[in-house]
């Protein structure tokens, strides 16, 4: 054991679940190190810089239902890293736009979605651009290996907070029960495209000039977000995120990013009221999320993580549900369990 008999924990994956688990551990005085394959924390709350503009590529907003998560979000609001959004939301059928409000309060990262995960990562030991490809249990603890042959360890425990199909491959050689629990937790892919324009979008009849988001009922496109209409980004110029439907993303899984961007932009244009003309696109692109959101999730919300006597543990949205809140709660509950502080 490490200092004052508190186990040393490695966490693979620095998305919301992994960060929530890490914060619970560190706040209780447990040493923890996160390993993230990307250049920074975020997971599916990632953002992309396009010159002076920023577009969110994954989750566009989140809502709150759970009391514990509400308390966490209130801290994020106080820290200035989230704000309410959207307040002007439309539903589109064909090319008919209808204002939509269900009175639910939703939040977005400020000035970008990744601000939330960077806030959660403050003060944590984070190793980035490091993909863990193998685990090994030795006499002195768990060792983690990356594809370059570097070894990291030893650790008393390993938390795996990556999508279940990837977690399964890591735990299979060590725990068939954990691997079997991962097997039914399939995850859907999703294509996310972006576009920057050289001018603001034109006014549309019957639609508020400052509309912020739209949910589409038809075609390959399911959601449009105006990134420059999110809090803290008002001066960045017109820029959209275009999220594709799950079935379309699965059908076009191997398509090129440029083609996907063209198709989703064309779908957005087709959804505009007749006579509406788009300004000139100056930058387009697309990103494919291989594991965007769970097709199914764990058996009960009271058991939204997995642990073993050998020191392996699993958490993430696949064990609870597809929402940002679900990912945070799964990681938070696991962290509480590992520190013995779970209510």
C-alpha atoms as a PDB file:
ATOM      1  CA  UNK A   1       0.000   0.000   0.000  1.00  0.00           C
ATOM      2  CA  UNK A   2       1.004   3.604  -0.526  1.00  0.00           C
ATOM      3  CA  UNK A   3       1.240   6.480   1.915  1.00  0.00           C
ATOM      4  CA  UNK A   4      -0.947   6.114   5.028  1.00  0.00           C
ATOM      5  CA  UNK A   5      -2.327   2.844   3.616  1.00  0.00           C
ATOM      6  CA  UNK A   6      -4.423   4.484   0.916  1.00  0.00           C
ATOM      7  CA  UNK A   7      -4.347   2.487  -2.321  1.00  0.00           C
ATOM      8  CA  UNK A   8      -2.724   3.993  -5.385  1.00  0.00           C
ATOM      9  CA  UNK A   9      -5.213   4.010  -8.264  1.00  0.00           C
ATOM     10  CA  UNK A  10      -4.746   4.244 -12.037  1.00  0.00           C
ATOM     11  CA  UNK A  11      -7.731   5.418 -14.072  1.00  0.00           C
ATOM     12  CA  UNK A  12      -7.843   4.688 -17.798  1.00  0.00           C
ATOM     13  CA  UNK A  13      -9.917   7.332 -19.583  1.00  0.00           C
ATOM     14  CA  UNK A  14     -10.283  11.006 -18.638  1.00  0.00           C
ATOM     15  CA  UNK A  15     -13.868  11.571 -19.714  1.00  0.00           C
ATOM     16  CA  UNK A  16     -16.595  12.615 -17.300  1.00  0.00           C
ATOM     17  CA  UNK A  17     -16.788   9.216 -15.545  1.00  0.00           C
ATOM     18  CA  UNK A  18     -13.044   8.832 -15.059  1.00  0.00           C
ATOM     19  CA  UNK A  19     -12.656  12.402 -13.848  1.00  0.00           C
ATOM     20  CA  UNK A  20     -15.589  12.103 -11.428  1.00  0.00           C
ATOM     21  CA  UNK A  21     -14.049   8.950  -9.971  1.00  0.00           C
ATOM     22  CA  UNK A  22     -10.626  10.606  -9.739  1.00  0.00           C
ATOM     23  CA  UNK A  23     -12.016  13.645  -7.942  1.00  0.00           C
ATOM     24  CA  UNK A  24     -13.824  11.480  -5.372  1.00  0.00           C
ATOM     25  CA  UNK A  25     -10.619   9.537  -4.752  1.00  0.00           C
ATOM     26  CA  UNK A  26      -8.315  12.543  -4.542  1.00  0.00           C
ATOM     27  CA  UNK A  27     -10.727  14.521  -2.376  1.00  0.00           C
ATOM     28  CA  UNK A  28     -10.583  11.610   0.086  1.00  0.00           C
ATOM     29  CA  UNK A  29      -6.782  11.662   0.075  1.00  0.00           C
ATOM     30  CA  UNK A  30      -6.225   8.702  -2.258  1.00  0.00           C
ATOM     31  CA  UNK A  31      -3.389   9.005  -4.807  1.00  0.00           C
ATOM     32  CA  UNK A  32      -4.648   8.682  -8.376  1.00  0.00           C
ATOM     33  CA  UNK A  33      -3.186   8.925 -11.894  1.00  0.00           C
ATOM     34  CA  UNK A  34      -5.320   9.264 -15.032  1.00  0.00           C
ATOM     35  CA  UNK A  35      -4.245   7.990 -18.449  1.00  0.00           C
ATOM     36  CA  UNK A  36      -5.862   9.539 -21.523  1.00  0.00           C
ATOM     37  CA  UNK A  37      -5.152   8.695 -25.163  1.00  0.00           C
ATOM     38  CA  UNK A  38      -6.124  12.176 -26.423  1.00  0.00           C
ATOM     39  CA  UNK A  39      -4.200  15.425 -25.973  1.00  0.00           C
ATOM     40  CA  UNK A  40      -6.390  16.458 -23.056  1.00  0.00           C
ATOM     41  CA  UNK A  41      -9.324  15.411 -20.893  1.00  0.00           C
ATOM     42  CA  UNK A  42     -12.846  15.460 -22.237  1.00  0.00           C
ATOM     43  CA  UNK A  43     -13.935  12.246 -23.888  1.00  0.00           C
ATOM     44  CA  UNK A  44     -17.199  12.952 -25.701  1.00  0.00           C
ATOM     45  CA  UNK A  45     -17.265  16.471 -24.254  1.00  0.00           C
ATOM     46  CA  UNK A  46     -14.429  17.391 -26.605  1.00  0.00           C
ATOM     47  CA  UNK A  47     -14.177  20.656 -28.538  1.00  0.00           C
ATOM     48  CA  UNK A  48     -12.237  21.613 -31.651  1.00  0.00           C
ATOM     49  CA  UNK A  49     -10.548  24.907 -32.487  1.00  0.00           C
ATOM     50  CA  UNK A  50     -11.159  26.286 -36.001  1.00  0.00           C
ATOM     51  CA  UNK A  51      -9.011  29.375 -36.103  1.00  0.00           C
ATOM     52  CA  UNK A  52     -10.710  31.843 -33.778  1.00  0.00           C
ATOM     53  CA  UNK A  53     -13.818  29.655 -33.481  1.00  0.00           C
ATOM     54  CA  UNK A  54     -14.551  26.650 -31.267  1.00  0.00           C
ATOM     55  CA  UNK A  55     -17.072  23.914 -32.018  1.00  0.00           C
ATOM     56  CA  UNK A  56     -18.269  21.202 -29.634  1.00  0.00           C
ATOM     57  CA  UNK A  57     -17.974  17.780 -31.272  1.00  0.00           C
ATOM     58  CA  UNK A  58     -19.799  15.494 -28.855  1.00  0.00           C
ATOM     59  CA  UNK A  59     -22.362  16.361 -26.185  1.00  0.00           C
ATOM     60  CA  UNK A  60     -23.918  19.732 -26.971  1.00  0.00           C
ATOM     61  CA  UNK A  61     -25.568  20.253 -23.590  1.00  0.00           C
ATOM     62  CA  UNK A  62     -26.630  18.326 -20.503  1.00  0.00           C
ATOM     63  CA  UNK A  63     -29.482  18.360 -18.025  1.00  0.00           C
ATOM     64  CA  UNK A  64     -29.853  17.484 -14.355  1.00  0.00           C
ATOM     65  CA  UNK A  65     -32.186  15.062 -12.608  1.00  0.00           C
ATOM     66  CA  UNK A  66     -30.149  13.675  -9.716  1.00  0.00           C
ATOM     67  CA  UNK A  67     -29.701  15.659  -6.488  1.00  0.00           C
ATOM     68  CA  UNK A  68     -25.997  14.866  -6.138  1.00  0.00           C
ATOM     69  CA  UNK A  69     -25.296  15.899  -9.723  1.00  0.00           C
ATOM     70  CA  UNK A  70     -27.316  19.085  -9.178  1.00  0.00           C
ATOM     71  CA  UNK A  71     -24.969  20.007  -6.343  1.00  0.00           C
ATOM     72  CA  UNK A  72     -21.955  19.371  -8.586  1.00  0.00           C
ATOM     73  CA  UNK A  73     -23.387  21.451 -11.423  1.00  0.00           C
ATOM     74  CA  UNK A  74     -24.074  24.319  -9.049  1.00  0.00           C
ATOM     75  CA  UNK A  75     -20.359  24.312  -8.242  1.00  0.00           C
ATOM     76  CA  UNK A  76     -19.559  24.428 -11.961  1.00  0.00           C
ATOM     77  CA  UNK A  77     -21.904  27.382 -12.391  1.00  0.00           C
ATOM     78  CA  UNK A  78     -20.222  29.176  -9.470  1.00  0.00           C
ATOM     79  CA  UNK A  79     -16.816  28.485 -11.057  1.00  0.00           C
ATOM     80  CA  UNK A  80     -18.000  30.016 -14.339  1.00  0.00           C
ATOM     81  CA  UNK A  81     -17.475  26.892 -16.453  1.00  0.00           C
ATOM     82  CA  UNK A  82     -21.143  26.219 -17.321  1.00  0.00           C
ATOM     83  CA  UNK A  83     -24.205  28.308 -18.140  1.00  0.00           C
ATOM     84  CA  UNK A  84     -27.783  27.580 -19.202  1.00  0.00           C
ATOM     85  CA  UNK A  85     -28.288  26.744 -22.896  1.00  0.00           C
ATOM     86  CA  UNK A  86     -30.239  26.484 -25.177  1.00  0.00           C
ATOM     87  CA  UNK A  87     -33.011  28.937 -24.466  1.00  0.00           C
ATOM     88  CA  UNK A  88     -34.170  29.155 -28.100  1.00  0.00           C
ATOM     89  CA  UNK A  89     -34.739  25.641 -29.449  1.00  0.00           C
ATOM     90  CA  UNK A  90     -36.708  24.573 -32.547  1.00  0.00           C
ATOM     91  CA  UNK A  91     -38.105  21.305 -33.874  1.00  0.00           C
ATOM     92  CA  UNK A  92     -38.012  20.846 -37.627  1.00  0.00           C
ATOM     93  CA  UNK A  93     -40.291  18.572 -39.646  1.00  0.00           C
ATOM     94  CA  UNK A  94     -39.465  18.683 -43.324  1.00  0.00           C
ATOM     95  CA  UNK A  95     -38.571  22.364 -43.580  1.00  0.00           C
ATOM     96  CA  UNK A  96     -41.208  23.634 -41.150  1.00  0.00           C
ATOM     97  CA  UNK A  97     -39.714  25.154 -37.990  1.00  0.00           C
ATOM     98  CA  UNK A  98     -41.634  25.224 -34.718  1.00  0.00           C
ATOM     99  CA  UNK A  99     -40.392  26.751 -31.445  1.00  0.00           C
ATOM    100  CA  UNK A 100     -40.049  24.068 -28.790  1.00  0.00           C
ATOM    101  CA  UNK A 101     -39.817  24.327 -25.015  1.00  0.00           C
ATOM    102  CA  UNK A 102     -40.297  21.596 -22.433  1.00  0.00           C
ATOM    103  CA  UNK A 103     -39.371  23.895 -19.517  1.00  0.00           C
ATOM    104  CA  UNK A 104     -36.342  21.734 -18.682  1.00  0.00           C
ATOM    105  CA  UNK A 105     -33.165  23.586 -17.763  1.00  0.00           C
ATOM    106  CA  UNK A 106     -30.097  22.557 -19.711  1.00  0.00           C
ATOM    107  CA  UNK A 107     -26.454  23.536 -19.420  1.00  0.00           C
ATOM    108  CA  UNK A 108     -23.441  23.946 -21.673  1.00  0.00           C
ATOM    109  CA  UNK A 109     -19.729  24.326 -20.955  1.00  0.00           C
ATOM    110  CA  UNK A 110     -18.418  27.888 -21.068  1.00  0.00           C
ATOM    111  CA  UNK A 111     -16.683  28.982 -23.194  1.00  0.00           C
ATOM    112  CA  UNK A 112     -16.604  25.427 -24.589  1.00  0.00           C
ATOM    113  CA  UNK A 113     -17.887  22.021 -23.509  1.00  0.00           C
ATOM    114  CA  UNK A 114     -14.376  20.841 -22.634  1.00  0.00           C
ATOM    115  CA  UNK A 115     -14.180  23.589 -19.990  1.00  0.00           C
ATOM    116  CA  UNK A 116     -16.122  21.250 -17.688  1.00  0.00           C
ATOM    117  CA  UNK A 117     -13.656  18.385 -17.946  1.00  0.00           C
ATOM    118  CA  UNK A 118     -10.659  20.703 -17.689  1.00  0.00           C
ATOM    119  CA  UNK A 119     -12.201  22.081 -14.510  1.00  0.00           C
ATOM    120  CA  UNK A 120     -12.636  18.559 -13.140  1.00  0.00           C
ATOM    121  CA  UNK A 121      -9.021  17.720 -14.073  1.00  0.00           C
ATOM    122  CA  UNK A 122      -7.498  20.595 -12.096  1.00  0.00           C
ATOM    123  CA  UNK A 123      -4.877  19.361  -9.660  1.00  0.00           C
ATOM    124  CA  UNK A 124      -5.070  15.757 -10.863  1.00  0.00           C
ATOM    125  CA  UNK A 125      -2.123  13.744 -12.145  1.00  0.00           C
ATOM    126  CA  UNK A 126      -2.989  13.333 -15.835  1.00  0.00           C
ATOM    127  CA  UNK A 127      -0.893  11.495 -18.424  1.00  0.00           C
ATOM    128  CA  UNK A 128      -2.132  12.444 -21.910  1.00  0.00           C
ATOM    129  CA  UNK A 129      -1.488  11.058 -25.404  1.00  0.00           C
ATOM    130  CA  UNK A 130      -1.028   7.644 -23.806  1.00  0.00           C
ATOM    131  CA  UNK A 131      -3.252   4.754 -24.871  1.00  0.00           C
ATOM    132  CA  UNK A 132      -3.166   1.834 -22.470  1.00  0.00           C
ATOM    133  CA  UNK A 133      -3.199  -1.381 -24.490  1.00  0.00           C
ATOM    134  CA  UNK A 134      -2.429  -4.045 -21.892  1.00  0.00           C
ATOM    135  CA  UNK A 135      -2.690  -4.750 -18.170  1.00  0.00           C
ATOM    136  CA  UNK A 136      -0.413  -7.062 -16.224  1.00  0.00           C
ATOM    137  CA  UNK A 137      -0.847  -8.190 -12.626  1.00  0.00           C
ATOM    138  CA  UNK A 138       2.547  -8.651 -10.947  1.00  0.00           C
ATOM    139  CA  UNK A 139       3.613  -9.371  -7.386  1.00  0.00           C
ATOM    140  CA  UNK A 140       3.968  -5.641  -6.661  1.00  0.00           C
ATOM    141  CA  UNK A 141       0.644  -4.628  -8.227  1.00  0.00           C
ATOM    142  CA  UNK A 142      -0.902  -3.738 -11.572  1.00  0.00           C
ATOM    143  CA  UNK A 143       1.245  -2.502 -14.468  1.00  0.00           C
ATOM    144  CA  UNK A 144      -0.124  -0.671 -17.514  1.00  0.00           C
ATOM    145  CA  UNK A 145       1.531  -0.842 -20.937  1.00  0.00           C
ATOM    146  CA  UNK A 146       1.127   1.428 -23.959  1.00  0.00           C
ATOM    147  CA  UNK A 147       1.756   0.509 -27.633  1.00  0.00           C
ATOM    148  CA  UNK A 148       5.212   2.165 -27.511  1.00  0.00           C
ATOM    149  CA  UNK A 149       6.335  -0.359 -24.913  1.00  0.00           C
ATOM    150  CA  UNK A 150       6.329   2.032 -21.962  1.00  0.00           C
ATOM    151  CA  UNK A 151       5.167   0.554 -18.664  1.00  0.00           C
ATOM    152  CA  UNK A 152       3.377   2.507 -15.938  1.00  0.00           C
ATOM    153  CA  UNK A 153       3.023   1.323 -12.364  1.00  0.00           C
ATOM    154  CA  UNK A 154       2.760  -0.341 -10.040  1.00  0.00           C
ATOM    155  CA  UNK A 155      -0.806   0.469  -8.967  1.00  0.00           C
ATOM    156  CA  UNK A 156      -2.923  -1.161  -6.283  1.00  0.00           C
ATOM    157  CA  UNK A 157      -6.121  -0.659  -8.324  1.00  0.00           C
ATOM    158  CA  UNK A 158      -7.061   0.058 -11.925  1.00  0.00           C
ATOM    159  CA  UNK A 159     -10.305   1.820 -12.855  1.00  0.00           C
ATOM    160  CA  UNK A 160     -11.297   1.447 -16.508  1.00  0.00           C
ATOM    161  CA  UNK A 161     -13.634   4.227 -17.639  1.00  0.00           C
ATOM    162  CA  UNK A 162     -13.575   3.721 -21.391  1.00  0.00           C
ATOM    163  CA  UNK A 163     -16.413   2.311 -23.547  1.00  0.00           C
ATOM    164  CA  UNK A 164     -17.368  -1.249 -22.633  1.00  0.00           C
ATOM    165  CA  UNK A 165     -16.115  -2.847 -25.902  1.00  0.00           C
ATOM    166  CA  UNK A 166     -12.652  -1.381 -25.255  1.00  0.00           C
ATOM    167  CA  UNK A 167     -12.764  -2.214 -21.546  1.00  0.00           C
ATOM    168  CA  UNK A 168     -13.642  -5.812 -22.368  1.00  0.00           C
ATOM    169  CA  UNK A 169     -10.414  -6.263 -24.327  1.00  0.00           C
ATOM    170  CA  UNK A 170      -8.342  -5.024 -21.371  1.00  0.00           C
ATOM    171  CA  UNK A 171      -9.997  -7.135 -18.675  1.00  0.00           C
ATOM    172  CA  UNK A 172     -10.569 -10.364 -20.665  1.00  0.00           C
ATOM    173  CA  UNK A 173      -7.160 -11.910 -19.814  1.00  0.00           C
ATOM    174  CA  UNK A 174      -7.667 -11.230 -16.103  1.00  0.00           C
ATOM    175  CA  UNK A 175     -11.354 -11.527 -15.208  1.00  0.00           C
ATOM    176  CA  UNK A 176     -13.858 -13.385 -17.372  1.00  0.00           C
ATOM    177  CA  UNK A 177     -16.764 -12.213 -15.186  1.00  0.00           C
ATOM    178  CA  UNK A 178     -15.948  -8.555 -15.858  1.00  0.00           C
ATOM    179  CA  UNK A 179     -15.448  -9.284 -19.542  1.00  0.00           C
ATOM    180  CA  UNK A 180     -18.821 -11.029 -19.713  1.00  0.00           C
ATOM    181  CA  UNK A 181     -20.481  -8.052 -18.059  1.00  0.00           C
ATOM    182  CA  UNK A 182     -19.010  -5.767 -20.760  1.00  0.00           C
ATOM    183  CA  UNK A 183     -20.096  -7.941 -23.671  1.00  0.00           C
ATOM    184  CA  UNK A 184     -23.797  -6.939 -23.909  1.00  0.00           C
ATOM    185  CA  UNK A 185     -23.097  -3.207 -23.520  1.00  0.00           C
ATOM    186  CA  UNK A 186     -22.984  -2.235 -27.188  1.00  0.00           C
ATOM    187  CA  UNK A 187     -22.314   1.375 -28.184  1.00  0.00           C
ATOM    188  CA  UNK A 188     -23.640   3.271 -31.197  1.00  0.00           C
ATOM    189  CA  UNK A 189     -21.367   5.345 -33.444  1.00  0.00           C
ATOM    190  CA  UNK A 190     -22.128   8.934 -34.403  1.00  0.00           C
ATOM    191  CA  UNK A 191     -20.819  11.275 -37.075  1.00  0.00           C
ATOM    192  CA  UNK A 192     -20.419  14.906 -35.999  1.00  0.00           C
ATOM    193  CA  UNK A 193     -19.754  17.526 -38.676  1.00  0.00           C
ATOM    194  CA  UNK A 194     -18.880  21.187 -38.378  1.00  0.00           C
ATOM    195  CA  UNK A 195     -19.015  24.185 -40.669  1.00  0.00           C
ATOM    196  CA  UNK A 196     -17.843  27.794 -40.435  1.00  0.00           C
ATOM    197  CA  UNK A 197     -19.455  30.455 -42.615  1.00  0.00           C
ATOM    198  CA  UNK A 198     -18.128  33.771 -43.864  1.00  0.00           C
ATOM    199  CA  UNK A 199     -21.248  35.584 -42.632  1.00  0.00           C
ATOM    200  CA  UNK A 200     -24.145  35.048 -40.183  1.00  0.00           C
ATOM    201  CA  UNK A 201     -27.029  32.792 -41.174  1.00  0.00           C
ATOM    202  CA  UNK A 202     -29.895  34.708 -42.791  1.00  0.00           C
ATOM    203  CA  UNK A 203     -33.162  35.464 -41.034  1.00  0.00           C
ATOM    204  CA  UNK A 204     -35.888  32.883 -41.599  1.00  0.00           C
ATOM    205  CA  UNK A 205     -39.623  33.590 -41.596  1.00  0.00           C
ATOM    206  CA  UNK A 206     -41.247  32.684 -38.293  1.00  0.00           C
ATOM    207  CA  UNK A 207     -37.925  31.786 -36.663  1.00  0.00           C
ATOM    208  CA  UNK A 208     -36.264  33.890 -33.966  1.00  0.00           C
ATOM    209  CA  UNK A 209     -33.081  35.519 -35.361  1.00  0.00           C
ATOM    210  CA  UNK A 210     -31.122  34.283 -32.346  1.00  0.00           C
ATOM    211  CA  UNK A 211     -32.221  30.651 -32.497  1.00  0.00           C
ATOM    212  CA  UNK A 212     -29.586  28.451 -30.879  1.00  0.00           C
ATOM    213  CA  UNK A 213     -30.397  24.833 -31.631  1.00  0.00           C
ATOM    214  CA  UNK A 214     -32.701  22.680 -33.716  1.00  0.00           C
ATOM    215  CA  UNK A 215     -33.802  19.057 -33.533  1.00  0.00           C
ATOM    216  CA  UNK A 216     -34.705  17.546 -36.909  1.00  0.00           C
ATOM    217  CA  UNK A 217     -37.248  14.761 -37.381  1.00  0.00           C
ATOM    218  CA  UNK A 218     -36.274  13.647 -40.893  1.00  0.00           C
ATOM    219  CA  UNK A 219     -33.194  12.671 -42.873  1.00  0.00           C
ATOM    220  CA  UNK A 220     -29.632  11.936 -41.776  1.00  0.00           C
ATOM    221  CA  UNK A 221     -29.330  15.008 -39.545  1.00  0.00           C
ATOM    222  CA  UNK A 222     -30.800  14.929 -36.027  1.00  0.00           C
ATOM    223  CA  UNK A 223     -29.416  18.017 -34.263  1.00  0.00           C
ATOM    224  CA  UNK A 224     -27.910  21.399 -35.154  1.00  0.00           C
ATOM    225  CA  UNK A 225     -26.119  23.668 -32.680  1.00  0.00           C
ATOM    226  CA  UNK A 226     -25.019  27.236 -33.370  1.00  0.00           C
ATOM    227  CA  UNK A 227     -21.712  27.337 -31.516  1.00  0.00           C
ATOM    228  CA  UNK A 228     -21.421  31.106 -31.779  1.00  0.00           C
ATOM    229  CA  UNK A 229     -24.760  31.356 -29.972  1.00  0.00           C
ATOM    230  CA  UNK A 230     -23.412  29.542 -26.914  1.00  0.00           C
ATOM    231  CA  UNK A 231     -22.353  31.534 -23.820  1.00  0.00           C
ATOM    232  CA  UNK A 232     -18.872  32.996 -24.114  1.00  0.00           C
ATOM    233  CA  UNK A 233     -18.566  32.514 -27.892  1.00  0.00           C
ATOM    234  CA  UNK A 234     -20.630  35.400 -29.217  1.00  0.00           C
ATOM    235  CA  UNK A 235     -17.719  36.939 -31.178  1.00  0.00           C
ATOM    236  CA  UNK A 236     -16.383  33.882 -32.952  1.00  0.00           C
ATOM    237  CA  UNK A 237     -18.505  34.046 -36.107  1.00  0.00           C
ATOM    238  CA  UNK A 238     -21.177  31.715 -37.458  1.00  0.00           C
ATOM    239  CA  UNK A 239     -20.244  28.084 -36.822  1.00  0.00           C
ATOM    240  CA  UNK A 240     -22.452  25.001 -36.637  1.00  0.00           C
ATOM    241  CA  UNK A 241     -22.159  21.503 -35.230  1.00  0.00           C
ATOM    242  CA  UNK A 242     -24.241  18.962 -37.173  1.00  0.00           C
ATOM    243  CA  UNK A 243     -24.949  15.635 -35.427  1.00  0.00           C
ATOM    244  CA  UNK A 244     -26.092  12.673 -37.517  1.00  0.00           C
ATOM    245  CA  UNK A 245     -28.674  10.066 -36.590  1.00  0.00           C
ATOM    246  CA  UNK A 246     -27.452   6.805 -35.140  1.00  0.00           C
ATOM    247  CA  UNK A 247     -28.773   4.573 -37.934  1.00  0.00           C
ATOM    248  CA  UNK A 248     -27.307   6.835 -40.612  1.00  0.00           C
ATOM    249  CA  UNK A 249     -23.959   6.936 -38.801  1.00  0.00           C
ATOM    250  CA  UNK A 250     -23.902   3.149 -38.649  1.00  0.00           C
ATOM    251  CA  UNK A 251     -24.759   2.859 -42.346  1.00  0.00           C
ATOM    252  CA  UNK A 252     -22.050   5.404 -43.281  1.00  0.00           C
ATOM    253  CA  UNK A 253     -19.508   4.182 -40.746  1.00  0.00           C
ATOM    254  CA  UNK A 254     -16.685   3.822 -43.294  1.00  0.00           C
ATOM    255  CA  UNK A 255     -17.476   6.952 -45.324  1.00  0.00           C
ATOM    256  CA  UNK A 256     -14.901   9.719 -45.662  1.00  0.00           C
ATOM    257  CA  UNK A 257     -15.117  12.672 -43.302  1.00  0.00           C
ATOM    258  CA  UNK A 258     -15.331  15.145 -46.208  1.00  0.00           C
ATOM    259  CA  UNK A 259     -18.281  13.285 -47.757  1.00  0.00           C
ATOM    260  CA  UNK A 260     -20.065  13.099 -44.408  1.00  0.00           C
ATOM    261  CA  UNK A 261     -19.633  16.840 -43.886  1.00  0.00           C
ATOM    262  CA  UNK A 262     -21.075  17.513 -47.352  1.00  0.00           C
ATOM    263  CA  UNK A 263     -24.085  15.271 -46.726  1.00  0.00           C
ATOM    264  CA  UNK A 264     -24.935  16.744 -43.331  1.00  0.00           C
ATOM    265  CA  UNK A 265     -24.548  20.312 -44.578  1.00  0.00           C
ATOM    266  CA  UNK A 266     -26.809  19.457 -47.518  1.00  0.00           C
ATOM    267  CA  UNK A 267     -29.357  17.999 -45.076  1.00  0.00           C
ATOM    268  CA  UNK A 268     -29.288  21.217 -43.056  1.00  0.00           C
ATOM    269  CA  UNK A 269     -29.833  23.284 -46.203  1.00  0.00           C
ATOM    270  CA  UNK A 270     -32.770  21.051 -47.185  1.00  0.00           C
ATOM    271  CA  UNK A 271     -34.349  21.677 -43.770  1.00  0.00           C
ATOM    272  CA  UNK A 272     -34.343  25.473 -44.193  1.00  0.00           C
ATOM    273  CA  UNK A 273     -37.544  27.257 -45.208  1.00  0.00           C
ATOM    274  CA  UNK A 274     -37.963  27.735 -48.964  1.00  0.00           C
ATOM    275  CA  UNK A 275     -36.017  30.679 -50.316  1.00  0.00           C
ATOM    276  CA  UNK A 276     -33.373  30.654 -47.565  1.00  0.00           C
ATOM    277  CA  UNK A 277     -29.793  30.911 -48.837  1.00  0.00           C
ATOM    278  CA  UNK A 278     -26.739  29.947 -46.828  1.00  0.00           C
ATOM    279  CA  UNK A 279     -23.610  32.110 -46.651  1.00  0.00           C
ATOM    280  CA  UNK A 280     -20.377  30.691 -48.045  1.00  0.00           C
ATOM    281  CA  UNK A 281     -18.788  27.881 -45.996  1.00  0.00           C
ATOM    282  CA  UNK A 282     -15.116  28.629 -45.270  1.00  0.00           C
ATOM    283  CA  UNK A 283     -14.299  25.444 -43.324  1.00  0.00           C
ATOM    284  CA  UNK A 284     -16.003  22.058 -43.027  1.00  0.00           C
ATOM    285  CA  UNK A 285     -15.102  18.699 -41.572  1.00  0.00           C
ATOM    286  CA  UNK A 286     -16.393  15.746 -39.617  1.00  0.00           C
ATOM    287  CA  UNK A 287     -15.402  13.479 -36.764  1.00  0.00           C
ATOM    288  CA  UNK A 288     -16.607   9.908 -36.272  1.00  0.00           C
ATOM    289  CA  UNK A 289     -17.288   8.819 -32.728  1.00  0.00           C
ATOM    290  CA  UNK A 290     -16.895   5.054 -32.800  1.00  0.00           C
ATOM    291  CA  UNK A 291     -18.554   4.713 -29.388  1.00  0.00           C
ATOM    292  CA  UNK A 292     -20.865   7.703 -29.094  1.00  0.00           C
ATOM    293  CA  UNK A 293     -23.513   6.498 -26.679  1.00  0.00           C
ATOM    294  CA  UNK A 294     -24.654   3.184 -25.208  1.00  0.00           C
ATOM    295  CA  UNK A 295     -27.194   1.113 -27.076  1.00  0.00           C
ATOM    296  CA  UNK A 296     -27.953  -0.531 -23.739  1.00  0.00           C
ATOM    297  CA  UNK A 297     -26.735  -0.052 -20.208  1.00  0.00           C
ATOM    298  CA  UNK A 298     -26.182  -1.927 -16.958  1.00  0.00           C
ATOM    299  CA  UNK A 299     -28.912  -3.745 -15.120  1.00  0.00           C
ATOM    300  CA  UNK A 300     -29.834  -1.158 -12.443  1.00  0.00           C
ATOM    301  CA  UNK A 301     -28.957   2.413 -11.571  1.00  0.00           C
ATOM    302  CA  UNK A 302     -28.142   1.299  -8.040  1.00  0.00           C
ATOM    303  CA  UNK A 303     -25.246  -0.742  -9.450  1.00  0.00           C
ATOM    304  CA  UNK A 304     -23.758   1.594 -12.043  1.00  0.00           C
ATOM    305  CA  UNK A 305     -20.157   0.377 -11.782  1.00  0.00           C
ATOM    306  CA  UNK A 306     -18.284  -2.899 -11.249  1.00  0.00           C
ATOM    307  CA  UNK A 307     -15.488  -3.812  -8.834  1.00  0.00           C
ATOM    308  CA  UNK A 308     -13.435  -6.946  -8.173  1.00  0.00           C
ATOM    309  CA  UNK A 309     -11.319  -8.254  -5.317  1.00  0.00           C
ATOM    310  CA  UNK A 310      -8.276  -8.221  -7.601  1.00  0.00           C
ATOM    311  CA  UNK A 311      -8.326  -4.424  -7.874  1.00  0.00           C
ATOM    312  CA  UNK A 312      -9.995  -3.963 -11.262  1.00  0.00           C
ATOM    313  CA  UNK A 313     -13.069  -1.718 -11.564  1.00  0.00           C
ATOM    314  CA  UNK A 314     -15.290  -0.424 -14.359  1.00  0.00           C
ATOM    315  CA  UNK A 315     -17.402   2.719 -14.669  1.00  0.00           C
ATOM    316  CA  UNK A 316     -18.920   4.898 -17.384  1.00  0.00           C
ATOM    317  CA  UNK A 317     -22.196   5.763 -19.046  1.00  0.00           C
ATOM    318  CA  UNK A 318     -22.565   2.210 -20.369  1.00  0.00           C
ATOM    319  CA  UNK A 319     -23.231   1.044 -16.821  1.00  0.00           C
ATOM    320  CA  UNK A 320     -26.020   3.544 -16.202  1.00  0.00           C
ATOM    321  CA  UNK A 321     -27.349   5.449 -19.240  1.00  0.00           C
ATOM    322  CA  UNK A 322     -26.438   7.770 -22.125  1.00  0.00           C
ATOM    323  CA  UNK A 323     -26.557  11.136 -20.363  1.00  0.00           C
ATOM    324  CA  UNK A 324     -23.627  13.242 -19.131  1.00  0.00           C
ATOM    325  CA  UNK A 325     -25.241  12.947 -15.707  1.00  0.00           C
ATOM    326  CA  UNK A 326     -25.148   9.140 -15.961  1.00  0.00           C
ATOM    327  CA  UNK A 327     -21.411   9.135 -16.711  1.00  0.00           C
ATOM    328  CA  UNK A 328     -20.667  11.475 -13.797  1.00  0.00           C
ATOM    329  CA  UNK A 329     -22.800   9.488 -11.361  1.00  0.00           C
ATOM    330  CA  UNK A 330     -21.211   6.180 -12.381  1.00  0.00           C
ATOM    331  CA  UNK A 331     -17.698   7.519 -11.785  1.00  0.00           C
ATOM    332  CA  UNK A 332     -18.675   9.408  -8.638  1.00  0.00           C
ATOM    333  CA  UNK A 333     -20.385   6.380  -7.117  1.00  0.00           C
ATOM    334  CA  UNK A 334     -17.394   4.165  -7.902  1.00  0.00           C
ATOM    335  CA  UNK A 335     -15.036   6.699  -6.310  1.00  0.00           C
ATOM    336  CA  UNK A 336     -17.196   6.788  -3.199  1.00  0.00           C
ATOM    337  CA  UNK A 337     -17.265   2.999  -3.075  1.00  0.00           C
ATOM    338  CA  UNK A 338     -13.479   2.737  -3.372  1.00  0.00           C
ATOM    339  CA  UNK A 339     -12.973   5.222  -0.550  1.00  0.00           C
ATOM    340  CA  UNK A 340     -15.640   3.648   1.643  1.00  0.00           C
ATOM    341  CA  UNK A 341     -17.670   6.863   1.683  1.00  0.00           C
ATOM    342  CA  UNK A 342     -20.674   5.794  -0.401  1.00  0.00           C
ATOM    343  CA  UNK A 343     -23.938   6.578   1.441  1.00  0.00           C
END
